[in-house]
């Protein structure tokens, strides 16, 4: 990750609602969440949420896809991991320390009816 990309990502996360949105999407996993569910979970007005989603998308922290009439937003784990790696790459003056673990969310399994 380049320094300018890290600054853009950190700036996008440096606002309480956007940080809450991103953390909720990380919790939701790679499937993401519909915008309406995010708005309801965080008690945010849809127009306000759209602004926050745009900032997070510009920073490369979330993706969006259409599913019928819904817009589904998901965290970009590769960007999050790159940011964490950038922030910790010089940890402990370059000496080996705690292993860096990248977040690899598991996909939710379909329920099997018995």
N, C-alpha and C. Protein backbone atom coordinates (compact mmCIF):
# COMPACT_ATOMS: atom_id res chain seq x y z
N UNK A 1 0.85 -1.17 0.00
CA UNK A 1 0.00 0.00 0.00
C UNK A 1 0.89 1.23 0.00
N UNK A 2 0.51 2.20 -0.78
CA UNK A 2 1.24 3.46 -0.84
C UNK A 2 0.78 4.39 0.29
N UNK A 3 1.64 5.30 0.66
CA UNK A 3 1.35 6.24 1.74
C UNK A 3 0.07 7.02 1.47
N UNK A 4 -0.12 7.50 0.23
CA UNK A 4 -1.32 8.28 -0.09
C UNK A 4 -2.59 7.45 0.06
N UNK A 5 -2.52 6.15 -0.29
CA UNK A 5 -3.68 5.27 -0.12
C UNK A 5 -3.99 5.07 1.36
N UNK A 6 -2.95 4.92 2.16
CA UNK A 6 -3.15 4.76 3.61
C UNK A 6 -3.78 6.02 4.20
N UNK A 7 -3.32 7.18 3.77
CA UNK A 7 -3.89 8.44 4.28
C UNK A 7 -5.36 8.55 3.88
N UNK A 8 -5.69 8.20 2.65
CA UNK A 8 -7.08 8.25 2.19
C UNK A 8 -7.96 7.31 3.00
N UNK A 9 -7.47 6.08 3.24
CA UNK A 9 -8.25 5.11 4.02
C UNK A 9 -8.42 5.57 5.46
N UNK A 10 -7.35 6.05 6.06
CA UNK A 10 -7.44 6.52 7.45
C UNK A 10 -8.37 7.73 7.56
N UNK A 11 -8.32 8.62 6.58
CA UNK A 11 -9.20 9.79 6.59
C UNK A 11 -10.66 9.36 6.49
N UNK A 12 -10.93 8.35 5.67
CA UNK A 12 -12.31 7.86 5.54
C UNK A 12 -12.81 7.25 6.84
N UNK A 13 -11.93 6.59 7.56
CA UNK A 13 -12.32 5.94 8.82
C UNK A 13 -12.31 6.88 10.01
N UNK A 14 -11.80 8.09 9.81
CA UNK A 14 -11.66 9.05 10.92
C UNK A 14 -12.94 9.85 11.15
N UNK A 15 -14.06 9.18 11.08
CA UNK A 15 -15.36 9.80 11.36
C UNK A 15 -16.20 8.71 12.00
N UNK A 16 -16.88 9.04 13.08
CA UNK A 16 -17.52 7.99 13.88
C UNK A 16 -18.54 7.16 13.11
N UNK A 17 -19.40 7.75 12.30
CA UNK A 17 -20.40 6.97 11.56
C UNK A 17 -19.74 6.06 10.52
N UNK A 18 -18.73 6.57 9.81
CA UNK A 18 -18.06 5.75 8.80
C UNK A 18 -17.31 4.60 9.46
N UNK A 19 -16.70 4.85 10.59
CA UNK A 19 -16.02 3.77 11.31
C UNK A 19 -17.03 2.70 11.74
N UNK A 20 -18.19 3.14 12.23
CA UNK A 20 -19.24 2.19 12.62
C UNK A 20 -19.73 1.38 11.41
N UNK A 21 -19.92 2.05 10.28
CA UNK A 21 -20.36 1.37 9.06
C UNK A 21 -19.33 0.32 8.65
N UNK A 22 -18.07 0.72 8.60
CA UNK A 22 -17.03 -0.22 8.17
C UNK A 22 -16.94 -1.41 9.12
N UNK A 23 -16.97 -1.17 10.41
CA UNK A 23 -16.88 -2.28 11.38
C UNK A 23 -18.08 -3.22 11.25
N UNK A 24 -19.27 -2.67 10.98
CA UNK A 24 -20.45 -3.50 10.79
C UNK A 24 -20.30 -4.36 9.53
N UNK A 25 -19.76 -3.78 8.46
CA UNK A 25 -19.56 -4.54 7.23
C UNK A 25 -18.49 -5.61 7.40
N UNK A 26 -17.47 -5.34 8.18
CA UNK A 26 -16.46 -6.35 8.48
C UNK A 26 -17.12 -7.51 9.22
N UNK A 27 -17.96 -7.18 10.17
CA UNK A 27 -18.67 -8.21 10.93
C UNK A 27 -19.59 -9.03 10.03
N UNK A 28 -20.19 -8.38 9.04
CA UNK A 28 -21.12 -9.07 8.14
C UNK A 28 -20.41 -10.06 7.23
N UNK A 29 -19.12 -9.88 7.02
CA UNK A 29 -18.36 -10.81 6.18
C UNK A 29 -18.44 -10.46 4.71
N UNK A 30 -17.91 -11.33 3.87
CA UNK A 30 -17.81 -11.03 2.44
C UNK A 30 -19.16 -10.89 1.72
N UNK A 31 -20.22 -11.45 2.29
CA UNK A 31 -21.54 -11.32 1.66
C UNK A 31 -22.06 -9.89 1.74
N UNK A 32 -21.60 -9.14 2.74
CA UNK A 32 -22.03 -7.76 2.90
C UNK A 32 -23.43 -7.64 3.47
N UNK A 33 -23.97 -6.44 3.35
CA UNK A 33 -25.31 -6.14 3.88
C UNK A 33 -26.02 -5.16 2.96
N UNK A 34 -27.34 -5.26 2.87
CA UNK A 34 -28.08 -4.25 2.13
C UNK A 34 -27.97 -2.90 2.83
N UNK A 35 -27.96 -1.84 2.05
CA UNK A 35 -27.84 -0.50 2.61
C UNK A 35 -28.92 -0.22 3.65
N UNK A 36 -30.14 -0.68 3.39
CA UNK A 36 -31.23 -0.47 4.34
C UNK A 36 -30.98 -1.14 5.68
N UNK A 37 -30.37 -2.32 5.67
CA UNK A 37 -30.07 -3.02 6.92
C UNK A 37 -28.98 -2.28 7.69
N UNK A 38 -28.00 -1.72 6.97
CA UNK A 38 -26.96 -0.93 7.62
C UNK A 38 -27.59 0.31 8.25
N UNK A 39 -28.45 0.99 7.51
CA UNK A 39 -29.11 2.19 8.02
C UNK A 39 -29.91 1.88 9.27
N UNK A 40 -30.65 0.77 9.25
CA UNK A 40 -31.45 0.39 10.41
C UNK A 40 -30.58 0.02 11.60
N UNK A 41 -29.53 -0.74 11.35
CA UNK A 41 -28.66 -1.20 12.44
C UNK A 41 -27.96 -0.04 13.14
N UNK A 42 -27.62 0.99 12.36
CA UNK A 42 -26.87 2.12 12.93
C UNK A 42 -27.72 3.37 13.14
N UNK A 43 -29.01 3.26 12.83
CA UNK A 43 -29.94 4.38 12.99
C UNK A 43 -29.44 5.63 12.24
N UNK A 44 -29.12 5.43 10.95
CA UNK A 44 -28.65 6.52 10.11
C UNK A 44 -29.66 6.78 8.99
N UNK A 45 -29.85 8.03 8.65
CA UNK A 45 -30.74 8.39 7.54
C UNK A 45 -30.11 7.92 6.23
N UNK A 46 -30.93 7.42 5.30
CA UNK A 46 -30.39 6.91 4.03
C UNK A 46 -29.51 7.91 3.27
N UNK A 47 -29.89 9.17 3.21
CA UNK A 47 -29.07 10.14 2.47
C UNK A 47 -27.73 10.36 3.16
N UNK A 48 -27.70 10.34 4.48
CA UNK A 48 -26.45 10.46 5.22
C UNK A 48 -25.58 9.23 4.99
N UNK A 49 -26.20 8.07 4.99
CA UNK A 49 -25.48 6.83 4.78
C UNK A 49 -24.86 6.77 3.39
N UNK A 50 -25.58 7.25 2.39
CA UNK A 50 -25.05 7.28 1.02
C UNK A 50 -23.76 8.08 0.97
N UNK A 51 -23.72 9.22 1.64
CA UNK A 51 -22.51 10.04 1.69
C UNK A 51 -21.35 9.25 2.32
N UNK A 52 -21.62 8.56 3.41
CA UNK A 52 -20.58 7.79 4.09
C UNK A 52 -20.10 6.61 3.23
N UNK A 53 -21.04 5.92 2.58
CA UNK A 53 -20.66 4.84 1.68
C UNK A 53 -19.75 5.35 0.57
N UNK A 54 -20.07 6.51 0.02
CA UNK A 54 -19.25 7.08 -1.06
C UNK A 54 -17.83 7.34 -0.59
N UNK A 55 -17.68 7.88 0.59
CA UNK A 55 -16.32 8.13 1.13
C UNK A 55 -15.55 6.82 1.33
N UNK A 56 -16.23 5.80 1.84
CA UNK A 56 -15.58 4.51 2.06
C UNK A 56 -15.24 3.83 0.73
N UNK A 57 -16.10 3.97 -0.26
CA UNK A 57 -15.82 3.40 -1.59
C UNK A 57 -14.65 4.10 -2.25
N UNK A 58 -14.61 5.43 -2.15
CA UNK A 58 -13.51 6.19 -2.73
C UNK A 58 -12.18 5.77 -2.12
N UNK A 59 -12.19 5.44 -0.85
CA UNK A 59 -10.98 5.01 -0.16
C UNK A 59 -10.65 3.54 -0.44
N UNK A 60 -11.51 2.85 -1.16
CA UNK A 60 -11.27 1.45 -1.49
C UNK A 60 -11.58 0.50 -0.35
N UNK A 61 -12.33 0.95 0.63
CA UNK A 61 -12.62 0.12 1.80
C UNK A 61 -13.89 -0.71 1.68
N UNK A 62 -14.79 -0.34 0.77
CA UNK A 62 -16.02 -1.10 0.57
C UNK A 62 -16.31 -1.24 -0.92
N UNK A 63 -17.09 -2.26 -1.24
CA UNK A 63 -17.60 -2.46 -2.60
C UNK A 63 -19.12 -2.42 -2.53
N UNK A 64 -19.72 -2.26 -3.68
CA UNK A 64 -21.18 -2.27 -3.76
C UNK A 64 -21.59 -3.08 -4.98
N UNK A 65 -22.70 -3.81 -4.82
CA UNK A 65 -23.28 -4.54 -5.94
C UNK A 65 -24.80 -4.45 -5.83
N UNK A 66 -25.45 -4.55 -6.95
CA UNK A 66 -26.91 -4.51 -6.97
C UNK A 66 -27.45 -5.93 -6.87
N UNK A 67 -28.46 -6.10 -6.05
CA UNK A 67 -29.18 -7.37 -5.94
C UNK A 67 -30.66 -7.03 -6.01
N UNK A 68 -31.21 -7.12 -7.21
CA UNK A 68 -32.60 -6.69 -7.40
C UNK A 68 -32.69 -5.19 -7.20
N UNK A 69 -33.50 -4.76 -6.25
CA UNK A 69 -33.63 -3.34 -5.95
C UNK A 69 -32.70 -2.89 -4.83
N UNK A 70 -31.99 -3.83 -4.22
CA UNK A 70 -31.11 -3.51 -3.09
C UNK A 70 -29.67 -3.28 -3.53
N UNK A 71 -29.02 -2.39 -2.82
CA UNK A 71 -27.59 -2.18 -2.99
C UNK A 71 -26.92 -2.88 -1.82
N UNK A 72 -26.02 -3.82 -2.12
CA UNK A 72 -25.35 -4.61 -1.10
C UNK A 72 -23.91 -4.09 -0.97
N UNK A 73 -23.57 -3.66 0.22
CA UNK A 73 -22.23 -3.14 0.50
C UNK A 73 -21.46 -4.18 1.28
N UNK A 74 -20.16 -4.29 0.96
CA UNK A 74 -19.30 -5.25 1.64
C UNK A 74 -17.93 -4.62 1.88
N UNK A 75 -17.31 -5.00 2.98
CA UNK A 75 -15.96 -4.53 3.28
C UNK A 75 -14.98 -5.17 2.30
N UNK A 76 -13.96 -4.43 1.93
CA UNK A 76 -12.87 -4.97 1.10
C UNK A 76 -11.76 -5.39 2.05
N UNK A 77 -11.74 -6.66 2.37
CA UNK A 77 -10.79 -7.19 3.34
C UNK A 77 -9.35 -7.05 2.87
N UNK A 78 -9.13 -7.14 1.56
CA UNK A 78 -7.76 -7.00 1.06
C UNK A 78 -7.23 -5.59 1.32
N UNK A 79 -8.09 -4.58 1.20
CA UNK A 79 -7.65 -3.21 1.50
C UNK A 79 -7.41 -3.04 2.99
N UNK A 80 -8.30 -3.59 3.80
CA UNK A 80 -8.12 -3.51 5.25
C UNK A 80 -6.81 -4.17 5.66
N UNK A 81 -6.53 -5.35 5.11
CA UNK A 81 -5.30 -6.06 5.44
C UNK A 81 -4.08 -5.30 4.95
N UNK A 82 -4.17 -4.68 3.79
CA UNK A 82 -3.05 -3.87 3.28
C UNK A 82 -2.78 -2.68 4.19
N UNK A 83 -3.85 -2.05 4.67
CA UNK A 83 -3.69 -0.91 5.58
C UNK A 83 -3.04 -1.36 6.89
N UNK A 84 -3.51 -2.46 7.43
CA UNK A 84 -2.91 -2.98 8.66
C UNK A 84 -1.45 -3.34 8.45
N UNK A 85 -1.13 -3.93 7.31
CA UNK A 85 0.24 -4.26 6.98
C UNK A 85 1.11 -3.02 6.85
N UNK A 86 0.57 -1.99 6.20
CA UNK A 86 1.31 -0.74 6.06
C UNK A 86 1.61 -0.12 7.42
N UNK A 87 0.63 -0.15 8.30
CA UNK A 87 0.79 0.45 9.63
C UNK A 87 1.77 -0.32 10.51
N UNK A 88 1.94 -1.59 10.24
CA UNK A 88 2.77 -2.41 11.12
C UNK A 88 4.05 -2.92 10.46
N UNK A 89 4.34 -2.52 9.22
CA UNK A 89 5.49 -3.10 8.52
C UNK A 89 6.83 -2.80 9.18
N UNK A 90 6.94 -1.75 9.94
CA UNK A 90 8.19 -1.43 10.61
C UNK A 90 8.11 -1.68 12.11
N UNK A 91 7.19 -2.52 12.50
CA UNK A 91 6.98 -2.84 13.91
C UNK A 91 8.26 -3.41 14.51
N UNK A 92 8.54 -3.06 15.73
CA UNK A 92 9.66 -3.61 16.50
C UNK A 92 11.00 -3.40 15.80
N UNK A 93 11.14 -2.26 15.14
CA UNK A 93 12.39 -1.89 14.45
C UNK A 93 12.84 -2.96 13.46
N UNK A 94 11.88 -3.65 12.85
CA UNK A 94 12.20 -4.66 11.86
C UNK A 94 12.52 -6.02 12.43
N UNK A 95 12.62 -6.13 13.74
CA UNK A 95 12.89 -7.43 14.37
C UNK A 95 11.62 -8.27 14.35
N UNK A 96 11.75 -9.57 14.25
CA UNK A 96 10.55 -10.43 14.27
C UNK A 96 9.77 -10.22 15.57
N UNK A 97 8.50 -10.08 15.43
CA UNK A 97 7.63 -9.95 16.60
C UNK A 97 6.39 -10.79 16.34
N UNK A 98 5.31 -10.49 17.01
CA UNK A 98 4.08 -11.26 16.85
C UNK A 98 3.75 -11.40 15.37
N UNK A 99 3.35 -12.58 14.94
CA UNK A 99 3.07 -12.78 13.52
C UNK A 99 1.91 -11.91 13.06
N UNK A 100 2.05 -11.40 11.86
CA UNK A 100 0.98 -10.62 11.25
C UNK A 100 -0.05 -11.60 10.70
N UNK A 101 -1.27 -11.43 11.09
CA UNK A 101 -2.33 -12.33 10.65
C UNK A 101 -3.31 -11.51 9.81
N UNK A 102 -3.50 -11.93 8.58
CA UNK A 102 -4.47 -11.26 7.72
C UNK A 102 -5.85 -11.82 8.01
N UNK A 103 -6.82 -10.95 7.96
CA UNK A 103 -8.21 -11.35 8.17
C UNK A 103 -8.70 -12.07 6.92
N UNK A 104 -9.14 -13.30 7.09
CA UNK A 104 -9.68 -14.09 5.99
C UNK A 104 -11.05 -14.59 6.43
N UNK A 105 -12.08 -13.77 6.25
CA UNK A 105 -13.40 -14.18 6.73
C UNK A 105 -13.92 -15.40 6.00
N UNK A 106 -14.52 -16.28 6.74
CA UNK A 106 -15.12 -17.48 6.15
C UNK A 106 -16.46 -17.11 5.56
N UNK A 107 -16.78 -17.70 4.47
CA UNK A 107 -18.11 -17.49 3.88
C UNK A 107 -19.13 -18.22 4.74
N UNK A 108 -20.30 -17.61 4.85
CA UNK A 108 -21.36 -18.25 5.62
C UNK A 108 -21.84 -19.48 4.87
N UNK A 109 -22.06 -20.54 5.61
CA UNK A 109 -22.53 -21.78 5.01
C UNK A 109 -24.04 -21.74 4.87
N UNK A 110 -24.51 -22.33 3.78
CA UNK A 110 -25.96 -22.46 3.60
C UNK A 110 -26.48 -23.45 4.61
N UNK A 111 -27.66 -23.17 5.12
CA UNK A 111 -28.27 -24.10 6.06
C UNK A 111 -28.75 -25.33 5.30
N UNK A 112 -28.44 -26.48 5.84
CA UNK A 112 -28.88 -27.74 5.25
C UNK A 112 -30.08 -28.23 6.02
N UNK A 113 -31.18 -28.40 5.31
CA UNK A 113 -32.38 -28.87 6.00
C UNK A 113 -32.34 -30.39 6.13
N UNK A 114 -32.78 -30.84 7.30
CA UNK A 114 -32.77 -32.28 7.56
C UNK A 114 -34.16 -32.79 7.73
